[in-house]
C-alpha cells in the first residue's frame, strides 16, 4: 500500500456494508489481523473511529466488499499522515466527547451503528 493513491475520506458516503448471500469471501485471518491493528490505531485517530466500527462488525465473515472498505481506510491514512491525537504524560485529564446518532444505520438488522 506504500504506492497507493491517497483519498480524502475513510469511508464512502451513504455506503452500507452488510452480509449478503452473493458476496465473494476474502481471507478471514488477514482481514482480522488488519482490522485489529487499525482498531488499535483508532485510539489516536478518532477520524477513522466510525469507519472502524463498521468494518469490525464483519470479523466473523468478511467479504471482498468489506476488505475494500478496509483498504479505503488505509488509503485515507496514507493521505492524512501527521493527523491524530497526541497524549502527553503531564497536563489535564479532562476528556470531552461529542457524538451524533445513526438511527437504523445497519443494513443487516436496522439497529443504530453509532451513538
PDB file of N, CA and C in Angstrom:
ATOM      1  N   UNK A   1       0.812  -1.203   0.000  1.00  0.00           N
ATOM      2  CA  UNK A   1       0.000   0.000   0.000  1.00  0.00           C
ATOM      3  C   UNK A   1       0.856   1.267   0.000  1.00  0.00           C
ATOM      4  N   UNK A   2       2.167   1.156  -0.028  1.00  0.00           N
ATOM      5  CA  UNK A   2       3.017   2.337   0.005  1.00  0.00           C
ATOM      6  C   UNK A   2       2.850   3.206  -1.232  1.00  0.00           C
ATOM      7  N   UNK A   3       2.541   2.613  -2.373  1.00  0.00           N
ATOM      8  CA  UNK A   3       2.387   3.367  -3.612  1.00  0.00           C
ATOM      9  C   UNK A   3       0.937   3.658  -3.963  1.00  0.00           C
ATOM     10  N   UNK A   4       0.021   3.473  -3.005  1.00  0.00           N
ATOM     11  CA  UNK A   4      -1.400   3.670  -3.307  1.00  0.00           C
ATOM     12  C   UNK A   4      -1.722   5.147  -3.440  1.00  0.00           C
ATOM     13  N   UNK A   5      -2.829   5.423  -4.103  1.00  0.00           N
ATOM     14  CA  UNK A   5      -3.299   6.797  -4.286  1.00  0.00           C
ATOM     15  C   UNK A   5      -4.109   7.203  -3.050  1.00  0.00           C
ATOM     16  N   UNK A   6      -3.725   8.271  -2.350  1.00  0.00           N
ATOM     17  CA  UNK A   6      -4.469   8.691  -1.155  1.00  0.00           C
ATOM     18  C   UNK A   6      -5.844   9.253  -1.504  1.00  0.00           C
ATOM     19  N   UNK A   7      -6.771   9.148  -0.551  1.00  0.00           N
ATOM     20  CA  UNK A   7      -8.121   9.684  -0.717  1.00  0.00           C
ATOM     21  C   UNK A   7      -8.461  10.588   0.465  1.00  0.00           C
ATOM     22  N   UNK A   8      -9.573  11.311   0.363  1.00  0.00           N
ATOM     23  CA  UNK A   8      -9.920  12.338   1.351  1.00  0.00           C
ATOM     24  C   UNK A   8     -10.777  11.857   2.511  1.00  0.00           C
ATOM     25  N   UNK A   9     -11.505  10.754   2.360  1.00  0.00           N
ATOM     26  CA  UNK A   9     -12.408  10.297   3.417  1.00  0.00           C
ATOM     27  C   UNK A   9     -12.166   8.824   3.715  1.00  0.00           C
ATOM     28  N   UNK A  10     -12.352   8.397   4.979  1.00  0.00           N
ATOM     29  CA  UNK A  10     -12.114   6.996   5.317  1.00  0.00           C
ATOM     30  C   UNK A  10     -13.211   6.030   4.870  1.00  0.00           C
ATOM     31  N   UNK A  11     -14.386   6.543   4.543  1.00  0.00           N
ATOM     32  CA  UNK A  11     -15.460   5.665   4.057  1.00  0.00           C
ATOM     33  C   UNK A  11     -16.304   6.423   3.036  1.00  0.00           C
ATOM     34  N   UNK A  12     -16.985   5.655   2.202  1.00  0.00           N
ATOM     35  CA  UNK A  12     -17.850   6.268   1.197  1.00  0.00           C
ATOM     36  C   UNK A  12     -19.118   6.792   1.854  1.00  0.00           C
ATOM     37  N   UNK A  13     -19.601   7.904   1.365  1.00  0.00           N
ATOM     38  CA  UNK A  13     -20.824   8.476   1.901  1.00  0.00           C
ATOM     39  C   UNK A  13     -22.013   7.609   1.515  1.00  0.00           C
ATOM     40  N   UNK A  14     -22.869   7.325   2.472  1.00  0.00           N
ATOM     41  CA  UNK A  14     -24.093   6.532   2.290  1.00  0.00           C
ATOM     42  C   UNK A  14     -23.826   5.119   1.783  1.00  0.00           C
ATOM     43  N   UNK A  15     -22.632   4.593   2.036  1.00  0.00           N
ATOM     44  CA  UNK A  15     -22.324   3.224   1.622  1.00  0.00           C
ATOM     45  C   UNK A  15     -22.645   2.289   2.777  1.00  0.00           C
ATOM     46  N   UNK A  16     -23.535   1.352   2.562  1.00  0.00           N
ATOM     47  CA  UNK A  16     -23.971   0.434   3.610  1.00  0.00           C
ATOM     48  C   UNK A  16     -23.343  -0.929   3.389  1.00  0.00           C
ATOM     49  N   UNK A  17     -22.486  -1.331   4.314  1.00  0.00           N
ATOM     50  CA  UNK A  17     -21.925  -2.674   4.277  1.00  0.00           C
ATOM     51  C   UNK A  17     -22.866  -3.610   5.005  1.00  0.00           C
ATOM     52  N   UNK A  18     -22.931  -4.838   4.572  1.00  0.00           N
ATOM     53  CA  UNK A  18     -23.782  -5.824   5.217  1.00  0.00           C
ATOM     54  C   UNK A  18     -23.361  -7.219   4.822  1.00  0.00           C
ATOM     55  N   UNK A  19     -24.091  -8.197   5.317  1.00  0.00           N
ATOM     56  CA  UNK A  19     -23.855  -9.590   4.955  1.00  0.00           C
ATOM     57  C   UNK A  19     -24.908  -9.999   3.930  1.00  0.00           C
ATOM     58  N   UNK A  20     -24.454 -10.289   2.730  1.00  0.00           N
ATOM     59  CA  UNK A  20     -25.358 -10.670   1.654  1.00  0.00           C
ATOM     60  C   UNK A  20     -24.925 -12.031   1.116  1.00  0.00           C
ATOM     61  N   UNK A  21     -25.858 -12.850   0.676  1.00  0.00           N
ATOM     62  CA  UNK A  21     -25.511 -14.222   0.259  1.00  0.00           C
ATOM     63  C   UNK A  21     -24.629 -14.312  -0.983  1.00  0.00           C
ATOM     64  N   UNK A  22     -24.612 -13.313  -1.842  1.00  0.00           N
ATOM     65  CA  UNK A  22     -23.861 -13.409  -3.094  1.00  0.00           C
ATOM     66  C   UNK A  22     -22.468 -12.771  -3.009  1.00  0.00           C
ATOM     67  N   UNK A  23     -21.994 -12.458  -1.809  1.00  0.00           N
ATOM     68  CA  UNK A  23     -20.693 -11.822  -1.662  1.00  0.00           C
ATOM     69  C   UNK A  23     -19.560 -12.838  -1.768  1.00  0.00           C
ATOM     70  N   UNK A  24     -18.474 -12.422  -2.401  1.00  0.00           N
ATOM     71  CA  UNK A  24     -17.280 -13.270  -2.511  1.00  0.00           C
ATOM     72  C   UNK A  24     -16.476 -13.157  -1.218  1.00  0.00           C
ATOM     73  N   UNK A  25     -16.125 -14.281  -0.587  1.00  0.00           N
ATOM     74  CA  UNK A  25     -15.373 -14.222   0.662  1.00  0.00           C
ATOM     75  C   UNK A  25     -13.926 -13.794   0.434  1.00  0.00           C
ATOM     76  N   UNK A  26     -13.298 -13.313   1.498  1.00  0.00           N
ATOM     77  CA  UNK A  26     -11.886 -12.929   1.463  1.00  0.00           C
ATOM     78  C   UNK A  26     -11.148 -13.685   2.564  1.00  0.00           C
ATOM     79  N   UNK A  27      -9.835 -13.544   2.621  1.00  0.00           N
ATOM     80  CA  UNK A  27      -9.021 -14.222   3.630  1.00  0.00           C
ATOM     81  C   UNK A  27      -9.384 -13.704   5.018  1.00  0.00           C
ATOM     82  N   UNK A  28     -10.018 -14.549   5.816  1.00  0.00           N
ATOM     83  CA  UNK A  28     -10.539 -14.156   7.118  1.00  0.00           C
ATOM     84  C   UNK A  28      -9.412 -13.755   8.078  1.00  0.00           C
ATOM     85  N   UNK A  29      -8.329 -14.521   8.127  1.00  0.00           N
ATOM     86  CA  UNK A  29      -7.238 -14.233   9.053  1.00  0.00           C
ATOM     87  C   UNK A  29      -6.549 -12.916   8.710  1.00  0.00           C
ATOM     88  N   UNK A  30      -6.320 -12.663   7.450  1.00  0.00           N
ATOM     89  CA  UNK A  30      -5.703 -11.404   7.011  1.00  0.00           C
ATOM     90  C   UNK A  30      -6.596 -10.229   7.382  1.00  0.00           C
ATOM     91  N   UNK A  31      -7.893 -10.365   7.141  1.00  0.00           N
ATOM     92  CA  UNK A  31      -8.856  -9.311   7.468  1.00  0.00           C
ATOM     93  C   UNK A  31      -8.850  -9.021   8.965  1.00  0.00           C
ATOM     94  N   UNK A  32      -8.883 -10.072   9.770  1.00  0.00           N
ATOM     95  CA  UNK A  32      -8.924  -9.897  11.213  1.00  0.00           C
ATOM     96  C   UNK A  32      -7.652  -9.243  11.747  1.00  0.00           C
ATOM     97  N   UNK A  33      -6.490  -9.628  11.227  1.00  0.00           N
ATOM     98  CA  UNK A  33      -5.233  -9.012  11.656  1.00  0.00           C
ATOM     99  C   UNK A  33      -5.199  -7.526  11.295  1.00  0.00           C
ATOM    100  N   UNK A  34      -5.608  -7.218  10.085  1.00  0.00           N
ATOM    101  CA  UNK A  34      -5.581  -5.839   9.612  1.00  0.00           C
ATOM    102  C   UNK A  34      -6.553  -4.955  10.390  1.00  0.00           C
ATOM    103  N   UNK A  35      -7.766  -5.437  10.582  1.00  0.00           N
ATOM    104  CA  UNK A  35      -8.764  -4.664  11.328  1.00  0.00           C
ATOM    105  C   UNK A  35      -8.327  -4.512  12.785  1.00  0.00           C
ATOM    106  N   UNK A  36      -7.740  -5.546  13.363  1.00  0.00           N
ATOM    107  CA  UNK A  36      -7.244  -5.454  14.741  1.00  0.00           C
ATOM    108  C   UNK A  36      -6.191  -4.374  14.898  1.00  0.00           C
ATOM    109  N   UNK A  37      -5.289  -4.281  13.948  1.00  0.00           N
ATOM    110  CA  UNK A  37      -4.259  -3.243  14.000  1.00  0.00           C
ATOM    111  C   UNK A  37      -4.865  -1.853  13.828  1.00  0.00           C
ATOM    112  N   UNK A  38      -5.855  -1.744  12.967  1.00  0.00           N
ATOM    113  CA  UNK A  38      -6.497  -0.441  12.760  1.00  0.00           C
ATOM    114  C   UNK A  38      -7.348  -0.027  13.960  1.00  0.00           C
ATOM    115  N   UNK A  39      -7.930  -0.986  14.665  1.00  0.00           N
ATOM    116  CA  UNK A  39      -8.686  -0.670  15.885  1.00  0.00           C
ATOM    117  C   UNK A  39      -7.736  -0.063  16.918  1.00  0.00           C
ATOM    118  N   UNK A  40      -6.553  -0.629  17.031  1.00  0.00           N
ATOM    119  CA  UNK A  40      -5.550  -0.088  17.941  1.00  0.00           C
ATOM    120  C   UNK A  40      -5.176   1.336  17.535  1.00  0.00           C
ATOM    121  N   UNK A  41      -5.029   1.566  16.260  1.00  0.00           N
ATOM    122  CA  UNK A  41      -4.681   2.903  15.758  1.00  0.00           C
ATOM    123  C   UNK A  41      -5.813   3.905  15.986  1.00  0.00           C
ATOM    124  N   UNK A  42      -7.041   3.440  15.987  1.00  0.00           N
ATOM    125  CA  UNK A  42      -8.198   4.339  16.131  1.00  0.00           C
ATOM    126  C   UNK A  42      -8.230   5.045  17.482  1.00  0.00           C
ATOM    127  N   UNK A  43      -7.459   4.576  18.459  1.00  0.00           N
ATOM    128  CA  UNK A  43      -7.403   5.260  19.751  1.00  0.00           C
ATOM    129  C   UNK A  43      -6.789   6.647  19.621  1.00  0.00           C
ATOM    130  N   UNK A  44      -5.871   6.804  18.697  1.00  0.00           N
ATOM    131  CA  UNK A  44      -5.251   8.113  18.492  1.00  0.00           C
ATOM    132  C   UNK A  44      -5.744   8.792  17.216  1.00  0.00           C
ATOM    133  N   UNK A  45      -6.591   8.116  16.465  1.00  0.00           N
ATOM    134  CA  UNK A  45      -7.137   8.675  15.227  1.00  0.00           C
ATOM    135  C   UNK A  45      -8.664   8.597  15.250  1.00  0.00           C
ATOM    136  N   UNK A  46      -9.330   9.527  15.952  1.00  0.00           N
ATOM    137  CA  UNK A  46     -10.792   9.476  16.018  1.00  0.00           C
ATOM    138  C   UNK A  46     -11.470   9.684  14.672  1.00  0.00           C
ATOM    139  N   UNK A  47     -10.737  10.184  13.673  1.00  0.00           N
ATOM    140  CA  UNK A  47     -11.318  10.381  12.354  1.00  0.00           C
ATOM    141  C   UNK A  47     -11.627   9.059  11.655  1.00  0.00           C
ATOM    142  N   UNK A  48     -11.021   7.967  12.096  1.00  0.00           N
ATOM    143  CA  UNK A  48     -11.330   6.665  11.494  1.00  0.00           C
ATOM    144  C   UNK A  48     -12.197   5.803  12.399  1.00  0.00           C
ATOM    145  N   UNK A  49     -12.603   6.325  13.551  1.00  0.00           N
ATOM    146  CA  UNK A  49     -13.339   5.525  14.535  1.00  0.00           C
ATOM    147  C   UNK A  49     -14.651   4.976  13.981  1.00  0.00           C
ATOM    148  N   UNK A  50     -15.418   5.802  13.295  1.00  0.00           N
ATOM    149  CA  UNK A  50     -16.698   5.321  12.768  1.00  0.00           C
ATOM    150  C   UNK A  50     -16.489   4.258  11.693  1.00  0.00           C
ATOM    151  N   UNK A  51     -15.576   4.514  10.774  1.00  0.00           N
ATOM    152  CA  UNK A  51     -15.312   3.536   9.717  1.00  0.00           C
ATOM    153  C   UNK A  51     -14.825   2.218  10.313  1.00  0.00           C
ATOM    154  N   UNK A  52     -14.030   2.285  11.371  1.00  0.00           N
ATOM    155  CA  UNK A  52     -13.541   1.070  12.019  1.00  0.00           C
ATOM    156  C   UNK A  52     -14.667   0.331  12.727  1.00  0.00           C
ATOM    157  N   UNK A  53     -15.603   1.063  13.322  1.00  0.00           N
ATOM    158  CA  UNK A  53     -16.725   0.394  13.985  1.00  0.00           C
ATOM    159  C   UNK A  53     -17.585  -0.359  12.981  1.00  0.00           C
ATOM    160  N   UNK A  54     -17.675   0.163  11.766  1.00  0.00           N
ATOM    161  CA  UNK A  54     -18.468  -0.509  10.734  1.00  0.00           C
ATOM    162  C   UNK A  54     -17.770  -1.776  10.244  1.00  0.00           C
ATOM    163  N   UNK A  55     -16.496  -1.678   9.883  1.00  0.00           N
ATOM    164  CA  UNK A  55     -15.805  -2.847   9.322  1.00  0.00           C
ATOM    165  C   UNK A  55     -15.538  -3.913  10.376  1.00  0.00           C
ATOM    166  N   UNK A  56     -15.460  -3.537  11.656  1.00  0.00           N
ATOM    167  CA  UNK A  56     -15.208  -4.537  12.691  1.00  0.00           C
ATOM    168  C   UNK A  56     -16.439  -5.409  12.973  1.00  0.00           C
ATOM    169  N   UNK A  57     -17.582  -5.031  12.463  1.00  0.00           N
ATOM    170  CA  UNK A  57     -18.790  -5.844  12.645  1.00  0.00           C
ATOM    171  C   UNK A  57     -18.769  -7.123  11.806  1.00  0.00           C
ATOM    172  N   UNK A  58     -17.851  -7.212  10.847  1.00  0.00           N
ATOM    173  CA  UNK A  58     -17.841  -8.337   9.913  1.00  0.00           C
ATOM    174  C   UNK A  58     -16.611  -9.219  10.082  1.00  0.00           C
ATOM    175  N   UNK A  59     -16.058  -9.271  11.290  1.00  0.00           N
ATOM    176  CA  UNK A  59     -14.858 -10.065  11.553  1.00  0.00           C
ATOM    177  C   UNK A  59     -15.109 -11.562  11.375  1.00  0.00           C
ATOM    178  N   UNK A  60     -16.322 -12.015  11.594  1.00  0.00           N
ATOM    179  CA  UNK A  60     -16.624 -13.444  11.529  1.00  0.00           C
ATOM    180  C   UNK A  60     -16.819 -13.948  10.101  1.00  0.00           C
ATOM    181  N   UNK A  61     -17.185 -13.063   9.185  1.00  0.00           N
ATOM    182  CA  UNK A  61     -17.440 -13.485   7.812  1.00  0.00           C
ATOM    183  C   UNK A  61     -17.166 -12.345   6.835  1.00  0.00           C
ATOM    184  N   UNK A  62     -15.899 -11.988   6.637  1.00  0.00           N
ATOM    185  CA  UNK A  62     -15.594 -10.852   5.757  1.00  0.00           C
ATOM    186  C   UNK A  62     -15.691 -11.222   4.279  1.00  0.00           C
ATOM    187  N   UNK A  63     -16.076 -10.243   3.480  1.00  0.00           N
ATOM    188  CA  UNK A  63     -16.151 -10.428   2.035  1.00  0.00           C
ATOM    189  C   UNK A  63     -15.186  -9.460   1.355  1.00  0.00           C
ATOM    190  N   UNK A  64     -15.127  -9.526   0.047  1.00  0.00           N
ATOM    191  CA  UNK A  64     -14.262  -8.614  -0.697  1.00  0.00           C
ATOM    192  C   UNK A  64     -14.723  -7.165  -0.548  1.00  0.00           C
ATOM    193  N   UNK A  65     -16.034  -6.942  -0.405  1.00  0.00           N
ATOM    194  CA  UNK A  65     -16.546  -5.589  -0.168  1.00  0.00           C
ATOM    195  C   UNK A  65     -16.026  -5.032   1.155  1.00  0.00           C
ATOM    196  N   UNK A  66     -16.002  -5.889   2.176  1.00  0.00           N
ATOM    197  CA  UNK A  66     -15.507  -5.462   3.478  1.00  0.00           C
ATOM    198  C   UNK A  66     -14.007  -5.171   3.420  1.00  0.00           C
ATOM    199  N   UNK A  67     -13.264  -6.005   2.713  1.00  0.00           N
ATOM    200  CA  UNK A  67     -11.828  -5.768   2.561  1.00  0.00           C
ATOM    201  C   UNK A  67     -11.582  -4.489   1.763  1.00  0.00           C
ATOM    202  N   UNK A  68     -12.441  -4.202   0.803  1.00  0.00           N
ATOM    203  CA  UNK A  68     -12.340  -2.957   0.056  1.00  0.00           C
ATOM    204  C   UNK A  68     -12.538  -1.743   0.957  1.00  0.00           C
ATOM    205  N   UNK A  69     -13.444  -1.861   1.930  1.00  0.00           N
ATOM    206  CA  UNK A  69     -13.670  -0.765   2.871  1.00  0.00           C
ATOM    207  C   UNK A  69     -12.444  -0.558   3.761  1.00  0.00           C
ATOM    208  N   UNK A  70     -11.796  -1.653   4.166  1.00  0.00           N
ATOM    209  CA  UNK A  70     -10.578  -1.551   4.974  1.00  0.00           C
ATOM    210  C   UNK A  70      -9.452  -0.938   4.145  1.00  0.00           C
ATOM    211  N   UNK A  71      -9.351  -1.326   2.886  1.00  0.00           N
ATOM    212  CA  UNK A  71      -8.342  -0.757   2.002  1.00  0.00           C
ATOM    213  C   UNK A  71      -8.564   0.733   1.826  1.00  0.00           C
ATOM    214  N   UNK A  72      -9.813   1.149   1.777  1.00  0.00           N
ATOM    215  CA  UNK A  72     -10.119   2.586   1.662  1.00  0.00           C
ATOM    216  C   UNK A  72      -9.634   3.333   2.903  1.00  0.00           C
ATOM    217  N   UNK A  73      -9.782   2.735   4.074  1.00  0.00           N
ATOM    218  CA  UNK A  73      -9.288   3.356   5.300  1.00  0.00           C
ATOM    219  C   UNK A  73      -7.771   3.510   5.231  1.00  0.00           C
ATOM    220  N   UNK A  74      -7.079   2.499   4.725  1.00  0.00           N
ATOM    221  CA  UNK A  74      -5.625   2.579   4.583  1.00  0.00           C
ATOM    222  C   UNK A  74      -5.222   3.681   3.607  1.00  0.00           C
ATOM    223  N   UNK A  75      -5.967   3.808   2.519  1.00  0.00           N
ATOM    224  CA  UNK A  75      -5.685   4.868   1.550  1.00  0.00           C
ATOM    225  C   UNK A  75      -5.922   6.248   2.165  1.00  0.00           C
ATOM    226  N   UNK A  76      -6.940   6.358   3.010  1.00  0.00           N
ATOM    227  CA  UNK A  76      -7.189   7.617   3.716  1.00  0.00           C
ATOM    228  C   UNK A  76      -6.024   7.942   4.650  1.00  0.00           C
ATOM    229  N   UNK A  77      -5.550   6.935   5.389  1.00  0.00           N
ATOM    230  CA  UNK A  77      -4.438   7.154   6.309  1.00  0.00           C
ATOM    231  C   UNK A  77      -3.170   7.583   5.583  1.00  0.00           C
ATOM    232  N   UNK A  78      -2.992   7.079   4.372  1.00  0.00           N
ATOM    233  CA  UNK A  78      -1.837   7.483   3.567  1.00  0.00           C
ATOM    234  C   UNK A  78      -1.870   8.985   3.296  1.00  0.00           C
ATOM    235  N   UNK A  79      -3.050   9.531   3.010  1.00  0.00           N
ATOM    236  CA  UNK A  79      -3.174  10.944   2.696  1.00  0.00           C
ATOM    237  C   UNK A  79      -3.320  11.834   3.913  1.00  0.00           C
ATOM    238  N   UNK A  80      -3.581  11.255   5.081  1.00  0.00           N
ATOM    239  CA  UNK A  80      -3.812  12.055   6.287  1.00  0.00           C
ATOM    240  C   UNK A  80      -2.754  11.767   7.344  1.00  0.00           C
ATOM    241  N   UNK A  81      -1.538  11.546   6.911  1.00  0.00           N
ATOM    242  CA  UNK A  81      -0.481  11.276   7.884  1.00  0.00           C
ATOM    243  C   UNK A  81      -0.162  12.540   8.668  1.00  0.00           C
ATOM    244  N   UNK A  82       0.209  12.365   9.901  1.00  0.00           N
ATOM    245  CA  UNK A  82       0.517  13.511  10.753  1.00  0.00           C
ATOM    246  C   UNK A  82      -0.681  14.047  11.511  1.00  0.00           C
ATOM    247  N   UNK A  83      -1.855  13.541  11.212  1.00  0.00           N
ATOM    248  CA  UNK A  83      -3.048  13.965  11.947  1.00  0.00           C
ATOM    249  C   UNK A  83      -3.309  12.958  13.063  1.00  0.00           C
ATOM    250  N   UNK A  84      -4.008  13.380  14.074  1.00  0.00           N
ATOM    251  CA  UNK A  84      -4.338  12.476  15.162  1.00  0.00           C
ATOM    252  C   UNK A  84      -4.161  13.150  16.503  1.00  0.00           C
ATOM    253  N   UNK A  85      -4.390  12.400  17.555  1.00  0.00           N
ATOM    254  CA  UNK A  85      -4.277  12.911  18.912  1.00  0.00           C
ATOM    255  C   UNK A  85      -2.907  12.575  19.477  1.00  0.00           C
ATOM    256  N   UNK A  86      -2.380  13.514  20.225  1.00  0.00           N
ATOM    257  CA  UNK A  86      -1.127  13.281  20.930  1.00  0.00           C
ATOM    258  C   UNK A  86      -1.444  13.210  22.418  1.00  0.00           C
ATOM    259  N   UNK A  87      -1.020  12.158  23.072  1.00  0.00           N
ATOM    260  CA  UNK A  87      -1.217  12.006  24.505  1.00  0.00           C
ATOM    261  C   UNK A  87       0.098  12.305  25.210  1.00  0.00           C
ATOM    262  N   UNK A  88       0.063  13.252  26.122  1.00  0.00           N
ATOM    263  CA  UNK A  88       1.249  13.630  26.862  1.00  0.00           C
ATOM    264  C   UNK A  88       1.149  13.124  28.296  1.00  0.00           C
ATOM    265  N   UNK A  89       2.271  12.943  28.895  1.00  0.00           N
ATOM    266  CA  UNK A  89       2.322  12.413  30.250  1.00  0.00           C
ATOM    267  C   UNK A  89       1.769  13.395  31.264  1.00  0.00           C
ATOM    268  N   UNK A  90       1.988  14.675  31.048  1.00  0.00           N
ATOM    269  CA  UNK A  90       1.553  15.692  32.000  1.00  0.00           C
ATOM    270  C   UNK A  90       0.467  16.554  31.371  1.00  0.00           C
ATOM    271  N   UNK A  91      -0.341  17.133  32.220  1.00  0.00           N
ATOM    272  CA  UNK A  91      -1.398  18.004  31.733  1.00  0.00           C
ATOM    273  C   UNK A  91      -2.730  17.624  32.352  1.00  0.00           C
ATOM    274  N   UNK A  92      -3.760  18.216  31.841  1.00  0.00           N
ATOM    275  CA  UNK A  92      -5.087  17.940  32.398  1.00  0.00           C
ATOM    276  C   UNK A  92      -5.567  16.551  31.963  1.00  0.00           C
ATOM    277  N   UNK A  93      -6.514  16.021  32.701  1.00  0.00           N
ATOM    278  CA  UNK A  93      -7.038  14.686  32.401  1.00  0.00           C
ATOM    279  C   UNK A  93      -8.503  14.738  31.994  1.00  0.00           C
ATOM    280  N   UNK A  94      -8.983  15.898  31.618  1.00  0.00           N
ATOM    281  CA  UNK A  94     -10.376  16.034  31.196  1.00  0.00           C
ATOM    282  C   UNK A  94     -10.530  15.564  29.750  1.00  0.00           C
ATOM    283  N   UNK A  95     -11.554  14.787  29.505  1.00  0.00           N
ATOM    284  CA  UNK A  95     -11.852  14.325  28.154  1.00  0.00           C
ATOM    285  C   UNK A  95     -13.288  14.704  27.836  1.00  0.00           C
ATOM    286  N   UNK A  96     -13.492  15.338  26.703  1.00  0.00           N
ATOM    287  CA  UNK A  96     -14.835  15.691  26.250  1.00  0.00           C
ATOM    288  C   UNK A  96     -15.100  14.975  24.948  1.00  0.00           C
ATOM    289  N   UNK A  97     -16.305  14.476  24.784  1.00  0.00           N
ATOM    290  CA  UNK A  97     -16.663  13.789  23.550  1.00  0.00           C
ATOM    291  C   UNK A  97     -18.028  14.216  23.066  1.00  0.00           C
ATOM    292  N   UNK A  98     -18.181  14.217  21.768  1.00  0.00           N
ATOM    293  CA  UNK A  98     -19.454  14.583  21.142  1.00  0.00           C
ATOM    294  C   UNK A  98     -19.780  13.522  20.111  1.00  0.00           C
ATOM    295  N   UNK A  99     -21.034  13.212  19.976  1.00  0.00           N
ATOM    296  CA  UNK A  99     -21.438  12.171  19.037  1.00  0.00           C
ATOM    297  C   UNK A  99     -22.766  12.521  18.400  1.00  0.00           C
ATOM    298  N   UNK A 100     -23.049  11.840  17.327  1.00  0.00           N
ATOM    299  CA  UNK A 100     -24.309  12.002  16.629  1.00  0.00           C
ATOM    300  C   UNK A 100     -24.848  10.603  16.358  1.00  0.00           C
ATOM    301  N   UNK A 101     -26.103  10.375  16.601  1.00  0.00           N
ATOM    302  CA  UNK A 101     -26.683   9.047  16.442  1.00  0.00           C
ATOM    303  C   UNK A 101     -26.941   8.731  14.971  1.00  0.00           C
ATOM    304  N   UNK A 102     -26.793   7.471  14.635  1.00  0.00           N
ATOM    305  CA  UNK A 102     -27.060   6.967  13.286  1.00  0.00           C
ATOM    306  C   UNK A 102     -28.211   5.973  13.398  1.00  0.00           C
ATOM    307  N   UNK A 103     -29.411   6.469  13.490  1.00  0.00           N
ATOM    308  CA  UNK A 103     -30.578   5.623  13.728  1.00  0.00           C
ATOM    309  C   UNK A 103     -30.806   4.676  12.560  1.00  0.00           C
ATOM    310  N   UNK A 104     -30.915   3.405  12.856  1.00  0.00           N
ATOM    311  CA  UNK A 104     -31.181   2.349  11.864  1.00  0.00           C
ATOM    312  C   UNK A 104     -30.140   2.364  10.761  1.00  0.00           C
ATOM    313  N   UNK A 105     -28.892   2.580  11.111  1.00  0.00           N
ATOM    314  CA  UNK A 105     -27.824   2.672  10.124  1.00  0.00           C
ATOM    315  C   UNK A 105     -27.340   1.339   9.598  1.00  0.00           C
ATOM    316  N   UNK A 106     -27.589   0.254  10.312  1.00  0.00           N
ATOM    317  CA  UNK A 106     -27.128  -1.056   9.880  1.00  0.00           C
ATOM    318  C   UNK A 106     -28.107  -1.649   8.869  1.00  0.00           C
ATOM    319  N   UNK A 107     -27.589  -2.014   7.708  1.00  0.00           N
ATOM    320  CA  UNK A 107     -28.447  -2.593   6.683  1.00  0.00           C
ATOM    321  C   UNK A 107     -28.881  -4.005   7.049  1.00  0.00           C
ATOM    322  N   UNK A 108     -28.145  -4.654   7.951  1.00  0.00           N
ATOM    323  CA  UNK A 108     -28.445  -6.034   8.329  1.00  0.00           C
ATOM    324  C   UNK A 108     -29.624  -6.128   9.289  1.00  0.00           C
ATOM    325  N   UNK A 109     -29.555  -5.401  10.413  1.00  0.00           N
ATOM    326  CA  UNK A 109     -30.604  -5.540  11.443  1.00  0.00           C
ATOM    327  C   UNK A 109     -31.303  -4.236  11.796  1.00  0.00           C
ATOM    328  N   UNK A 110     -31.022  -3.154  11.038  1.00  0.00           N
ATOM    329  CA  UNK A 110     -31.657  -1.852  11.194  1.00  0.00           C
ATOM    330  C   UNK A 110     -31.438  -1.250  12.580  1.00  0.00           C
ATOM    331  N   UNK A 111     -30.360  -1.614  13.261  1.00  0.00           N
ATOM    332  CA  UNK A 111     -30.034  -1.018  14.556  1.00  0.00           C
ATOM    333  C   UNK A 111     -29.107   0.172  14.360  1.00  0.00           C
ATOM    334  N   UNK A 112     -28.990   0.970  15.385  1.00  0.00           N
ATOM    335  CA  UNK A 112     -28.074   2.096  15.327  1.00  0.00           C
ATOM    336  C   UNK A 112     -26.648   1.599  15.324  1.00  0.00           C
ATOM    337  N   UNK A 113     -25.818   2.126  14.451  1.00  0.00           N
ATOM    338  CA  UNK A 113     -24.422   1.712  14.389  1.00  0.00           C
ATOM    339  C   UNK A 113     -23.522   2.724  15.067  1.00  0.00           C
ATOM    340  N   UNK A 114     -24.073   3.775  15.614  1.00  0.00           N
ATOM    341  CA  UNK A 114     -23.270   4.809  16.226  1.00  0.00           C
ATOM    342  C   UNK A 114     -24.136   5.526  17.254  1.00  0.00           C
ATOM    343  N   UNK A 115     -23.587   5.887  18.361  1.00  0.00           N
ATOM    344  CA  UNK A 115     -24.320   6.633  19.379  1.00  0.00           C
ATOM    345  C   UNK A 115     -25.015   5.714  20.306  1.00  0.00           C
TER     346      UNK A 115
END
